[in-house]
Protein backbone atom coordinates (compact mmCIF):
# COMPACT_ATOMS: atom_id res chain seq x y z
CA MET A 1 91.00 137.94 121.49
CA VAL A 2 92.26 140.50 118.97
CA VAL A 3 90.98 140.06 115.36
CA ASP A 4 92.74 142.20 112.74
CA ASP A 5 94.32 141.39 109.38
CA ASN A 6 97.17 143.84 110.17
CA ALA A 7 99.92 142.08 112.14
CA LEU A 8 101.30 145.31 113.52
CA ILE A 9 97.86 146.34 114.94
CA ARG A 10 97.49 142.89 116.51
CA GLU A 11 100.88 143.11 118.11
CA ILE A 12 100.33 146.68 119.42
CA VAL A 13 96.98 145.75 120.94
CA ARG A 14 98.28 142.44 122.30
CA THR A 15 101.21 144.18 123.97
CA ARG A 16 99.07 146.89 125.51
CA PHE A 17 96.56 144.38 126.90
CA GLU A 18 99.20 142.08 128.18
CA ALA A 19 100.81 145.06 130.03
CA HIS A 20 97.41 145.35 131.79
CA GLY A 21 97.38 141.72 132.86
CA PHE A 22 95.21 140.28 130.11
CA ALA A 23 95.98 136.92 128.40
CA VAL A 24 95.62 137.58 124.59
CA CYS A 25 95.03 135.38 121.62
CA ASP A 26 94.63 136.65 118.06
CA ALA A 27 93.22 135.93 114.66
CA VAL A 28 93.82 137.40 111.19
CA ASP A 29 90.16 137.47 110.10
CA GLY A 30 86.61 136.75 111.13
CA ALA A 31 86.59 133.15 110.02
CA GLU A 32 89.72 132.37 112.01
CA ALA A 33 88.24 134.16 115.06
CA ILE A 34 85.21 131.95 115.00
CA LYS A 35 87.29 128.82 114.89
CA GLN A 36 89.52 130.11 117.73
CA ALA A 37 86.57 131.24 119.80
CA LYS A 38 85.27 127.76 119.91
CA THR A 39 88.47 126.49 121.54
CA GLU A 40 89.82 129.54 123.30
CA ALA A 41 86.46 130.81 124.91
CA PRO A 42 87.61 134.46 125.15
CA ASP A 43 86.10 136.79 127.69
CA LEU A 44 86.10 139.73 125.19
CA ILE A 45 86.71 139.96 121.48
CA ILE A 46 88.11 143.00 119.63
CA LEU A 47 87.24 143.07 115.94
CA ASP A 48 88.56 145.24 113.04
CA LEU A 49 85.82 146.07 110.54
CA SER A 50 87.69 145.70 107.21
CA MET A 51 89.21 142.25 106.87
CA PRO A 52 89.47 139.72 104.12
CA VAL A 53 87.55 136.37 104.19
CA MET A 54 85.01 137.63 106.77
CA ASN A 55 84.72 141.23 107.88
CA GLY A 56 84.10 142.40 111.42
CA LEU A 57 80.29 142.76 111.09
CA GLU A 58 79.90 139.27 109.64
CA ALA A 59 82.08 137.89 112.36
CA ALA A 60 80.25 139.78 115.07
CA ARG A 61 76.93 138.17 113.97
CA ALA A 62 78.39 134.68 114.03
CA LEU A 63 80.27 135.20 117.29
CA LYS A 64 77.23 136.56 119.05
CA MET A 65 75.32 133.40 118.08
CA LEU A 66 78.22 131.25 119.29
CA LEU A 67 79.15 133.15 122.48
CA PRO A 68 76.23 135.53 123.24
CA GLN A 69 77.59 136.54 126.63
CA VAL A 70 80.98 137.72 125.26
CA PRO A 71 81.29 141.54 124.72
CA LEU A 72 82.49 142.46 121.21
CA VAL A 73 84.38 145.66 120.58
CA MET A 74 84.79 147.13 117.04
CA PHE A 75 88.29 148.72 116.78
CA THR A 76 88.37 150.46 113.37
CA ASN A 77 89.33 153.43 111.29
CA THR A 78 85.70 153.76 110.05
CA THR A 79 83.67 155.46 112.76
CA VAL A 80 80.64 156.98 110.92
CA ALA A 81 77.20 156.92 112.52
CA THR A 82 75.78 154.40 109.94
CA MET A 83 78.66 151.97 110.62
CA GLU A 84 78.16 152.32 114.39
CA ARG A 85 74.39 151.52 114.05
CA GLU A 86 75.24 148.49 111.91
CA ALA A 87 77.87 147.37 114.47
CA ARG A 88 75.37 147.67 117.30
CA ALA A 89 72.76 145.73 115.32
CA ALA A 90 75.36 142.97 114.78
CA GLY A 91 76.03 142.65 118.50
CA ILE A 92 79.01 145.04 119.01
CA SER A 93 78.97 146.57 122.49
CA ALA A 94 81.36 149.47 121.81
CA VAL A 95 83.09 151.11 118.84
CA VAL A 96 86.58 152.47 119.40
CA SER A 97 88.49 154.46 116.70
CA LYS A 98 92.01 153.37 115.83
CA SER A 99 92.87 157.05 115.96
CA GLU A 100 92.35 156.96 119.75
CA SER A 101 95.02 155.70 122.20
CA THR A 102 95.14 152.01 122.93
CA ASP A 103 94.48 153.00 126.45
CA THR A 104 90.96 154.02 125.46
CA LEU A 105 90.49 150.56 124.08
CA VAL A 106 91.76 148.98 127.29
CA LEU A 107 89.57 151.16 129.43
CA GLN A 108 86.48 150.28 127.23
CA ALA A 109 87.37 146.53 127.56
CA LYS A 110 87.70 146.74 131.31
CA ALA A 111 84.34 148.63 131.57
CA LEU A 112 82.64 145.80 129.55
CA LEU A 113 84.10 143.06 131.67
CA LEU A 114 82.84 144.45 134.96
C-alpha cells in the first residue's frame, strides 16, 4: 500500500512496484490508509510523513496496532535524525528519502518482506 497525498508520487511508486511484480493499492492520507488496511490486508505499507487529515507518524502508530506484523516504510522529503527517531518509535521499519531513486524504495521493501 502506498499512502501519499500527492497523486503523482502515488502513481510513480505504484508503477515502479508493479514493474517488480507487486500488487499495489493506495490511499491519500493516513485515515484512508487505516480504513483500507482493514480490508486490503497489505504486506507492506509505504507512508509519506506530511499529509492532511492524519500524517504518517499518526498513521504508523494506528497501523502498528491494527497490523503489528506489517512492515512500515516512511518515504519522505524530511529525513532529519529527530524525525527518523520519531518514525522508529512509531513503528516505522525504514526511512527512505524521496530524493533517492524509487529503486532504493523497492529494494528496501523487498528486504523487509524477506
